[in-house]
């Protein structure tokens, strides 16, 4: 079942245009809103939300009714659905792995499919600004049927991919923040970010549509602290102070010696 879901997921991306299929990747226990893309429902609007073939929620402005069916599928959605009566958007709270799948919103004019992917493990990576970091796919070799997709940020922007036809870097997205900084290993699917900056802080998602599998990384970038320079400066100050004290002591001894010699001569 899960394998078929991913197979359909991957091929639906090629079937529907971006405005008909939207990918949503959410961490387990988070909440997320599936937007109807309506700013305000009209008096004659009707909205239906479905999970697979099951009706989850509906709004009928003609009858001024709003209903949530959260007891379907053994109650997996119970007390987790919030329906916006103004826009028709649907919020799922405290998301679990079992909530992953295909959601459809239908109104009088159109329908949109949401592909909700839920993950439960995140690898935290901390890297110094200006350094490079490699996000490992954990694959030793990409097989002929592997389909690798790297996504970045809350909008799940595609930044790199390997498929049956070719491998490509999409580094001109997001105002070019990744331009000339990405290296994709076409043997393993691992992704390297070079000369990293704080702009590259965020979530990175690796999807292998053929396995199926998903890996999530949370990358944080910190500023370089020139501790060695600071320590060196302190050492120099200490040495200077010690030299100064030694010099002052030598002068005192010299003055005392001169005074002693003069006293002896006066005798």
C-alpha atoms as a PDB file:
ATOM      1  CA  UNK A   1       0.000   0.000   0.000  1.00  0.00           C
ATOM      2  CA  UNK A   2       2.713   2.467   1.020  1.00  0.00           C
ATOM      3  CA  UNK A   3       4.824   1.614  -2.019  1.00  0.00           C
ATOM      4  CA  UNK A   4       1.851   2.159  -4.334  1.00  0.00           C
ATOM      5  CA  UNK A   5       1.236   5.530  -2.679  1.00  0.00           C
ATOM      6  CA  UNK A   6       4.754   6.697  -3.460  1.00  0.00           C
ATOM      7  CA  UNK A   7       4.613   5.300  -6.973  1.00  0.00           C
ATOM      8  CA  UNK A   8       1.424   7.237  -7.639  1.00  0.00           C
ATOM      9  CA  UNK A   9       2.865  10.272  -5.850  1.00  0.00           C
ATOM     10  CA  UNK A  10       5.900  10.423  -8.102  1.00  0.00           C
ATOM     11  CA  UNK A  11       3.996   9.971 -11.329  1.00  0.00           C
ATOM     12  CA  UNK A  12       1.215  12.361 -10.401  1.00  0.00           C
ATOM     13  CA  UNK A  13       3.830  15.108 -10.232  1.00  0.00           C
ATOM     14  CA  UNK A  14       4.313  14.695 -13.962  1.00  0.00           C
ATOM     15  CA  UNK A  15       0.612  14.407 -14.741  1.00  0.00           C
ATOM     16  CA  UNK A  16      -0.758  17.475 -12.971  1.00  0.00           C
ATOM     17  CA  UNK A  17       0.392  21.045 -13.334  1.00  0.00           C
ATOM     18  CA  UNK A  18       1.624  22.927 -10.252  1.00  0.00           C
ATOM     19  CA  UNK A  19      -1.788  24.476  -9.653  1.00  0.00           C
ATOM     20  CA  UNK A  20      -3.503  21.052  -9.662  1.00  0.00           C
ATOM     21  CA  UNK A  21      -1.101  19.101  -7.450  1.00  0.00           C
ATOM     22  CA  UNK A  22       0.617  20.585  -4.394  1.00  0.00           C
ATOM     23  CA  UNK A  23       3.227  18.788  -2.321  1.00  0.00           C
ATOM     24  CA  UNK A  24       3.128  19.298   1.435  1.00  0.00           C
ATOM     25  CA  UNK A  25       5.848  17.875   3.702  1.00  0.00           C
ATOM     26  CA  UNK A  26       5.181  18.105   7.423  1.00  0.00           C
ATOM     27  CA  UNK A  27       6.996  16.826  10.493  1.00  0.00           C
ATOM     28  CA  UNK A  28       5.033  14.525  12.767  1.00  0.00           C
ATOM     29  CA  UNK A  29       3.201  16.300  15.637  1.00  0.00           C
ATOM     30  CA  UNK A  30       3.124  19.605  13.718  1.00  0.00           C
ATOM     31  CA  UNK A  31      -0.001  21.260  12.336  1.00  0.00           C
ATOM     32  CA  UNK A  32      -0.610  22.358   8.769  1.00  0.00           C
ATOM     33  CA  UNK A  33      -3.290  24.208   6.810  1.00  0.00           C
ATOM     34  CA  UNK A  34      -4.346  23.001   3.369  1.00  0.00           C
ATOM     35  CA  UNK A  35      -5.415  26.180   1.609  1.00  0.00           C
ATOM     36  CA  UNK A  36      -8.461  26.291  -0.638  1.00  0.00           C
ATOM     37  CA  UNK A  37      -6.901  29.290  -2.463  1.00  0.00           C
ATOM     38  CA  UNK A  38     -10.083  31.249  -1.837  1.00  0.00           C
ATOM     39  CA  UNK A  39      -9.804  34.598  -0.078  1.00  0.00           C
ATOM     40  CA  UNK A  40     -13.501  34.548   0.738  1.00  0.00           C
ATOM     41  CA  UNK A  41     -16.292  32.146  -0.117  1.00  0.00           C
ATOM     42  CA  UNK A  42     -19.269  33.517  -2.049  1.00  0.00           C
ATOM     43  CA  UNK A  43     -22.905  32.991  -1.118  1.00  0.00           C
ATOM     44  CA  UNK A  44     -23.336  30.143  -3.617  1.00  0.00           C
ATOM     45  CA  UNK A  45     -19.974  28.386  -2.990  1.00  0.00           C
ATOM     46  CA  UNK A  46     -19.642  24.755  -1.948  1.00  0.00           C
ATOM     47  CA  UNK A  47     -16.428  23.163  -0.667  1.00  0.00           C
ATOM     48  CA  UNK A  48     -15.712  19.446  -0.221  1.00  0.00           C
ATOM     49  CA  UNK A  49     -12.535  18.050   1.363  1.00  0.00           C
ATOM     50  CA  UNK A  50     -11.655  14.386   0.818  1.00  0.00           C
ATOM     51  CA  UNK A  51      -8.918  12.080   2.066  1.00  0.00           C
ATOM     52  CA  UNK A  52      -8.666   9.487  -0.662  1.00  0.00           C
ATOM     53  CA  UNK A  53     -12.315   8.574  -1.265  1.00  0.00           C
ATOM     54  CA  UNK A  54     -13.496   9.576   2.219  1.00  0.00           C
ATOM     55  CA  UNK A  55     -15.326  12.864   2.780  1.00  0.00           C
ATOM     56  CA  UNK A  56     -13.662  14.827   5.607  1.00  0.00           C
ATOM     57  CA  UNK A  57     -15.422  18.170   5.587  1.00  0.00           C
ATOM     58  CA  UNK A  58     -17.806  20.316   3.598  1.00  0.00           C
ATOM     59  CA  UNK A  59     -19.185  23.832   3.489  1.00  0.00           C
ATOM     60  CA  UNK A  60     -22.379  24.795   1.723  1.00  0.00           C
ATOM     61  CA  UNK A  61     -22.933  28.551   1.664  1.00  0.00           C
ATOM     62  CA  UNK A  62     -26.372  28.128   0.082  1.00  0.00           C
ATOM     63  CA  UNK A  63     -27.661  26.337   3.165  1.00  0.00           C
ATOM     64  CA  UNK A  64     -25.223  28.089   5.497  1.00  0.00           C
ATOM     65  CA  UNK A  65     -23.918  24.747   6.772  1.00  0.00           C
ATOM     66  CA  UNK A  66     -20.440  23.529   7.739  1.00  0.00           C
ATOM     67  CA  UNK A  67     -19.712  19.911   8.692  1.00  0.00           C
ATOM     68  CA  UNK A  68     -16.573  18.010   9.717  1.00  0.00           C
ATOM     69  CA  UNK A  69     -16.579  14.200   9.422  1.00  0.00           C
ATOM     70  CA  UNK A  70     -13.640  13.371  11.673  1.00  0.00           C
ATOM     71  CA  UNK A  71     -14.856   9.888  12.683  1.00  0.00           C
ATOM     72  CA  UNK A  72     -14.000   8.269   9.342  1.00  0.00           C
ATOM     73  CA  UNK A  73     -11.208   5.698   9.066  1.00  0.00           C
ATOM     74  CA  UNK A  74     -11.486   4.509  12.689  1.00  0.00           C
ATOM     75  CA  UNK A  75     -11.428   8.074  13.978  1.00  0.00           C
ATOM     76  CA  UNK A  76      -7.857   8.893  12.943  1.00  0.00           C
ATOM     77  CA  UNK A  77      -8.906  12.507  12.332  1.00  0.00           C
ATOM     78  CA  UNK A  78     -10.975  12.875  15.502  1.00  0.00           C
ATOM     79  CA  UNK A  79     -10.497  16.326  17.113  1.00  0.00           C
ATOM     80  CA  UNK A  80      -7.767  17.168  14.574  1.00  0.00           C
ATOM     81  CA  UNK A  81      -9.710  18.994  11.834  1.00  0.00           C
ATOM     82  CA  UNK A  82     -10.474  22.706  11.767  1.00  0.00           C
ATOM     83  CA  UNK A  83     -12.455  24.154   8.872  1.00  0.00           C
ATOM     84  CA  UNK A  84     -12.321  27.858   8.048  1.00  0.00           C
ATOM     85  CA  UNK A  85     -15.839  29.055   7.246  1.00  0.00           C
ATOM     86  CA  UNK A  86     -14.560  32.173   5.462  1.00  0.00           C
ATOM     87  CA  UNK A  87     -11.965  30.649   3.110  1.00  0.00           C
ATOM     88  CA  UNK A  88     -12.799  26.937   3.165  1.00  0.00           C
ATOM     89  CA  UNK A  89      -9.231  26.014   4.157  1.00  0.00           C
ATOM     90  CA  UNK A  90      -8.679  22.872   6.238  1.00  0.00           C
ATOM     91  CA  UNK A  91      -6.215  22.655   9.153  1.00  0.00           C
ATOM     92  CA  UNK A  92      -4.954  19.322  10.472  1.00  0.00           C
ATOM     93  CA  UNK A  93      -3.497  19.499  13.987  1.00  0.00           C
ATOM     94  CA  UNK A  94      -1.041  17.127  15.689  1.00  0.00           C
ATOM     95  CA  UNK A  95      -0.331  15.295  12.438  1.00  0.00           C
ATOM     96  CA  UNK A  96       0.749  11.646  12.578  1.00  0.00           C
ATOM     97  CA  UNK A  97       2.245   9.284  10.003  1.00  0.00           C
ATOM     98  CA  UNK A  98      -1.203   7.777   9.325  1.00  0.00           C
ATOM     99  CA  UNK A  99      -2.414  11.157   8.032  1.00  0.00           C
ATOM    100  CA  UNK A 100      -0.049  11.068   5.064  1.00  0.00           C
ATOM    101  CA  UNK A 101      -1.686  10.654   1.673  1.00  0.00           C
ATOM    102  CA  UNK A 102      -3.765  12.470  -0.920  1.00  0.00           C
ATOM    103  CA  UNK A 103      -6.246  15.199  -0.022  1.00  0.00           C
ATOM    104  CA  UNK A 104      -8.612  16.778  -2.541  1.00  0.00           C
ATOM    105  CA  UNK A 105     -10.467  20.060  -2.271  1.00  0.00           C
ATOM    106  CA  UNK A 106     -13.395  20.517  -4.659  1.00  0.00           C
ATOM    107  CA  UNK A 107     -15.544  23.538  -5.324  1.00  0.00           C
ATOM    108  CA  UNK A 108     -17.901  24.522  -8.124  1.00  0.00           C
ATOM    109  CA  UNK A 109     -15.108  25.611 -10.458  1.00  0.00           C
ATOM    110  CA  UNK A 110     -12.078  23.424  -9.847  1.00  0.00           C
ATOM    111  CA  UNK A 111     -10.361  20.797  -7.730  1.00  0.00           C
ATOM    112  CA  UNK A 112      -6.834  20.595  -6.309  1.00  0.00           C
ATOM    113  CA  UNK A 113      -4.952  17.565  -4.987  1.00  0.00           C
ATOM    114  CA  UNK A 114      -2.593  17.878  -2.017  1.00  0.00           C
ATOM    115  CA  UNK A 115       0.074  15.248  -1.502  1.00  0.00           C
ATOM    116  CA  UNK A 116       0.797  15.228   2.252  1.00  0.00           C
ATOM    117  CA  UNK A 117       4.053  13.546   3.296  1.00  0.00           C
ATOM    118  CA  UNK A 118       4.745  13.102   7.012  1.00  0.00           C
ATOM    119  CA  UNK A 119       8.206  12.366   8.427  1.00  0.00           C
ATOM    120  CA  UNK A 120       9.272  11.591  11.983  1.00  0.00           C
ATOM    121  CA  UNK A 121      13.075  11.859  12.083  1.00  0.00           C
ATOM    122  CA  UNK A 122      15.306  14.871  11.493  1.00  0.00           C
ATOM    123  CA  UNK A 123      19.093  14.927  11.301  1.00  0.00           C
ATOM    124  CA  UNK A 124      20.478  18.157  12.776  1.00  0.00           C
ATOM    125  CA  UNK A 125      23.559  19.583  11.074  1.00  0.00           C
ATOM    126  CA  UNK A 126      25.546  22.568  12.341  1.00  0.00           C
ATOM    127  CA  UNK A 127      28.117  24.200  10.062  1.00  0.00           C
ATOM    128  CA  UNK A 128      30.326  27.278  10.248  1.00  0.00           C
ATOM    129  CA  UNK A 129      29.610  30.078   7.798  1.00  0.00           C
ATOM    130  CA  UNK A 130      31.866  29.844   4.759  1.00  0.00           C
ATOM    131  CA  UNK A 131      32.444  26.098   5.113  1.00  0.00           C
ATOM    132  CA  UNK A 132      30.942  23.283   3.063  1.00  0.00           C
ATOM    133  CA  UNK A 133      28.533  20.582   4.237  1.00  0.00           C
ATOM    134  CA  UNK A 134      27.406  17.341   2.624  1.00  0.00           C
ATOM    135  CA  UNK A 135      23.912  15.979   3.250  1.00  0.00           C
ATOM    136  CA  UNK A 136      24.311  12.234   2.831  1.00  0.00           C
ATOM    137  CA  UNK A 137      21.669  10.144   1.113  1.00  0.00           C
ATOM    138  CA  UNK A 138      22.976   6.958   2.787  1.00  0.00           C
ATOM    139  CA  UNK A 139      22.945   5.312  -0.643  1.00  0.00           C
ATOM    140  CA  UNK A 140      26.118   3.561  -1.790  1.00  0.00           C
ATOM    141  CA  UNK A 141      25.027   3.632  -5.410  1.00  0.00           C
ATOM    142  CA  UNK A 142      22.004   4.940  -7.289  1.00  0.00           C
ATOM    143  CA  UNK A 143      20.156   2.224  -9.159  1.00  0.00           C
ATOM    144  CA  UNK A 144      18.510   2.670 -12.546  1.00  0.00           C
ATOM    145  CA  UNK A 145      15.030   3.053 -11.062  1.00  0.00           C
ATOM    146  CA  UNK A 146      15.999   5.480  -8.278  1.00  0.00           C
ATOM    147  CA  UNK A 147      14.445   8.942  -8.493  1.00  0.00           C
ATOM    148  CA  UNK A 148      16.087  11.468  -6.186  1.00  0.00           C
ATOM    149  CA  UNK A 149      14.554  14.820  -5.301  1.00  0.00           C
ATOM    150  CA  UNK A 150      16.075  17.438  -2.960  1.00  0.00           C
ATOM    151  CA  UNK A 151      13.724  20.068  -1.506  1.00  0.00           C
ATOM    152  CA  UNK A 152      14.472  23.125   0.624  1.00  0.00           C
ATOM    153  CA  UNK A 153      12.466  25.302   3.002  1.00  0.00           C
ATOM    154  CA  UNK A 154       8.861  25.507   4.110  1.00  0.00           C
ATOM    155  CA  UNK A 155       7.710  25.844   0.493  1.00  0.00           C
ATOM    156  CA  UNK A 156       9.498  22.601  -0.496  1.00  0.00           C
ATOM    157  CA  UNK A 157      11.385  24.284  -3.329  1.00  0.00           C
ATOM    158  CA  UNK A 158      13.185  21.811  -5.627  1.00  0.00           C
ATOM    159  CA  UNK A 159      16.945  22.510  -5.625  1.00  0.00           C
ATOM    160  CA  UNK A 160      18.301  19.291  -7.181  1.00  0.00           C
ATOM    161  CA  UNK A 161      17.083  16.054  -8.739  1.00  0.00           C
ATOM    162  CA  UNK A 162      18.206  12.817 -10.333  1.00  0.00           C
ATOM    163  CA  UNK A 163      15.786  10.860 -12.491  1.00  0.00           C
ATOM    164  CA  UNK A 164      15.792   8.304 -15.277  1.00  0.00           C
ATOM    165  CA  UNK A 165      16.680  10.939 -17.856  1.00  0.00           C
ATOM    166  CA  UNK A 166      19.317  13.130 -16.204  1.00  0.00           C
ATOM    167  CA  UNK A 167      20.534  14.829 -13.048  1.00  0.00           C
ATOM    168  CA  UNK A 168      20.193  18.559 -12.579  1.00  0.00           C
ATOM    169  CA  UNK A 169      20.910  21.400 -10.159  1.00  0.00           C
ATOM    170  CA  UNK A 170      18.172  24.019  -9.727  1.00  0.00           C
ATOM    171  CA  UNK A 171      20.339  26.700  -8.109  1.00  0.00           C
ATOM    172  CA  UNK A 172      18.619  29.753  -9.602  1.00  0.00           C
ATOM    173  CA  UNK A 173      15.565  29.406  -7.349  1.00  0.00           C
ATOM    174  CA  UNK A 174      14.892  31.581  -4.293  1.00  0.00           C
ATOM    175  CA  UNK A 175      16.586  34.678  -5.727  1.00  0.00           C
ATOM    176  CA  UNK A 176      19.704  32.676  -6.586  1.00  0.00           C
ATOM    177  CA  UNK A 177      20.812  32.043  -3.000  1.00  0.00           C
ATOM    178  CA  UNK A 178      22.161  28.615  -4.038  1.00  0.00           C
ATOM    179  CA  UNK A 179      23.799  29.763  -7.276  1.00  0.00           C
ATOM    180  CA  UNK A 180      27.175  28.018  -7.842  1.00  0.00           C
ATOM    181  CA  UNK A 181      27.015  26.498  -4.338  1.00  0.00           C
ATOM    182  CA  UNK A 182      25.416  23.080  -4.959  1.00  0.00           C
ATOM    183  CA  UNK A 183      27.178  19.855  -5.933  1.00  0.00           C
ATOM    184  CA  UNK A 184      25.115  16.731  -6.590  1.00  0.00           C
ATOM    185  CA  UNK A 185      26.809  13.343  -6.410  1.00  0.00           C
ATOM    186  CA  UNK A 186      25.272  11.359  -9.272  1.00  0.00           C
ATOM    187  CA  UNK A 187      26.620   8.130  -7.796  1.00  0.00           C
ATOM    188  CA  UNK A 188      25.045   8.394  -4.339  1.00  0.00           C
ATOM    189  CA  UNK A 189      22.553  11.263  -4.620  1.00  0.00           C
ATOM    190  CA  UNK A 190      24.227  13.152  -1.748  1.00  0.00           C
ATOM    191  CA  UNK A 191      24.100  16.952  -1.893  1.00  0.00           C
ATOM    192  CA  UNK A 192      26.955  19.296  -0.975  1.00  0.00           C
ATOM    193  CA  UNK A 193      26.466  22.992  -0.198  1.00  0.00           C
ATOM    194  CA  UNK A 194      29.661  25.025  -0.555  1.00  0.00           C
ATOM    195  CA  UNK A 195      30.550  28.419   0.947  1.00  0.00           C
ATOM    196  CA  UNK A 196      27.440  28.209   3.087  1.00  0.00           C
ATOM    197  CA  UNK A 197      25.791  31.313   4.577  1.00  0.00           C
ATOM    198  CA  UNK A 198      22.997  31.965   7.061  1.00  0.00           C
ATOM    199  CA  UNK A 199      20.622  32.206   4.072  1.00  0.00           C
ATOM    200  CA  UNK A 200      20.979  28.448   3.718  1.00  0.00           C
ATOM    201  CA  UNK A 201      19.709  27.714   7.220  1.00  0.00           C
ATOM    202  CA  UNK A 202      16.565  25.601   7.155  1.00  0.00           C
ATOM    203  CA  UNK A 203      15.022  22.231   6.370  1.00  0.00           C
ATOM    204  CA  UNK A 204      16.264  20.002   3.540  1.00  0.00           C
ATOM    205  CA  UNK A 205      14.211  17.018   2.396  1.00  0.00           C
ATOM    206  CA  UNK A 206      15.516  14.084   0.335  1.00  0.00           C
ATOM    207  CA  UNK A 207      12.880  11.973  -1.402  1.00  0.00           C
ATOM    208  CA  UNK A 208      13.656   8.742  -3.217  1.00  0.00           C
ATOM    209  CA  UNK A 209      10.461   8.002  -5.078  1.00  0.00           C
ATOM    210  CA  UNK A 210      11.438   4.494  -6.134  1.00  0.00           C
ATOM    211  CA  UNK A 211      12.270   2.929  -2.737  1.00  0.00           C
ATOM    212  CA  UNK A 212      10.228   4.663  -1.197  1.00  0.00           C
ATOM    213  CA  UNK A 213      12.146   6.681   1.411  1.00  0.00           C
ATOM    214  CA  UNK A 214      12.448  10.158   2.868  1.00  0.00           C
ATOM    215  CA  UNK A 215      15.244  11.845   4.836  1.00  0.00           C
ATOM    216  CA  UNK A 216      15.030  15.213   6.561  1.00  0.00           C
ATOM    217  CA  UNK A 217      17.872  17.507   7.610  1.00  0.00           C
ATOM    218  CA  UNK A 218      17.764  20.675   9.687  1.00  0.00           C
ATOM    219  CA  UNK A 219      20.818  22.786   8.845  1.00  0.00           C
ATOM    220  CA  UNK A 220      21.933  25.643  11.102  1.00  0.00           C
ATOM    221  CA  UNK A 221      24.758  28.020  10.180  1.00  0.00           C
ATOM    222  CA  UNK A 222      26.788  29.866  12.801  1.00  0.00           C
ATOM    223  CA  UNK A 223      29.202  32.759  12.490  1.00  0.00           C
ATOM    224  CA  UNK A 224      32.938  32.143  12.758  1.00  0.00           C
ATOM    225  CA  UNK A 225      34.460  33.306  16.050  1.00  0.00           C
ATOM    226  CA  UNK A 226      38.113  34.278  15.826  1.00  0.00           C
ATOM    227  CA  UNK A 227      38.989  32.859  19.217  1.00  0.00           C
ATOM    228  CA  UNK A 228      42.634  32.344  18.340  1.00  0.00           C
ATOM    229  CA  UNK A 229      43.040  36.023  17.497  1.00  0.00           C
ATOM    230  CA  UNK A 230      41.455  36.973  20.818  1.00  0.00           C
ATOM    231  CA  UNK A 231      43.681  34.620  22.780  1.00  0.00           C
ATOM    232  CA  UNK A 232      46.747  35.888  20.954  1.00  0.00           C
ATOM    233  CA  UNK A 233      45.837  39.481  21.796  1.00  0.00           C
ATOM    234  CA  UNK A 234      45.445  38.614  25.481  1.00  0.00           C
ATOM    235  CA  UNK A 235      48.795  36.835  25.515  1.00  0.00           C
ATOM    236  CA  UNK A 236      50.455  39.876  23.968  1.00  0.00           C
ATOM    237  CA  UNK A 237      48.944  42.140  26.611  1.00  0.00           C
ATOM    238  CA  UNK A 238      50.133  39.844  29.391  1.00  0.00           C
ATOM    239  CA  UNK A 239      53.639  39.633  27.940  1.00  0.00           C
ATOM    240  CA  UNK A 240      53.772  43.392  27.520  1.00  0.00           C
ATOM    241  CA  UNK A 241      52.658  43.858  31.098  1.00  0.00           C
ATOM    242  CA  UNK A 242      55.235  41.383  32.378  1.00  0.00           C
ATOM    243  CA  UNK A 243      57.987  43.059  30.359  1.00  0.00           C
ATOM    244  CA  UNK A 244      56.913  46.405  31.737  1.00  0.00           C
ATOM    245  CA  UNK A 245      56.990  45.125  35.324  1.00  0.00           C
ATOM    246  CA  UNK A 246      60.416  43.575  34.768  1.00  0.00           C
ATOM    247  CA  UNK A 247      61.748  46.791  33.273  1.00  0.00           C
ATOM    248  CA  UNK A 248      60.376  48.837  36.153  1.00  0.00           C
ATOM    249  CA  UNK A 249      61.951  46.457  38.666  1.00  0.00           C
ATOM    250  CA  UNK A 250      65.303  46.743  36.886  1.00  0.00           C
ATOM    251  CA  UNK A 251      65.160  50.542  37.058  1.00  0.00           C
ATOM    252  CA  UNK A 252      64.366  50.447  40.796  1.00  0.00           C
ATOM    253  CA  UNK A 253      67.325  48.131  41.427  1.00  0.00           C
ATOM    254  CA  UNK A 254      69.590  50.376  39.346  1.00  0.00           C
ATOM    255  CA  UNK A 255      68.524  53.516  41.212  1.00  0.00           C
ATOM    256  CA  UNK A 256      69.026  51.789  44.567  1.00  0.00           C
ATOM    257  CA  UNK A 257      72.492  50.646  43.457  1.00  0.00           C
ATOM    258  CA  UNK A 258      73.513  54.164  42.398  1.00  0.00           C
ATOM    259  CA  UNK A 259      72.292  55.638  45.667  1.00  0.00           C
ATOM    260  CA  UNK A 260      74.254  52.978  47.634  1.00  0.00           C
ATOM    261  CA  UNK A 261      77.450  53.725  45.742  1.00  0.00           C
ATOM    262  CA  UNK A 262      77.100  57.499  46.368  1.00  0.00           C
ATOM    263  CA  UNK A 263      76.606  56.835  50.088  1.00  0.00           C
ATOM    264  CA  UNK A 264      79.785  54.781  50.206  1.00  0.00           C
ATOM    265  CA  UNK A 265      81.768  57.548  48.440  1.00  0.00           C
ATOM    266  CA  UNK A 266      80.508  60.170  50.902  1.00  0.00           C
ATOM    267  CA  UNK A 267      81.909  58.104  53.723  1.00  0.00           C
END
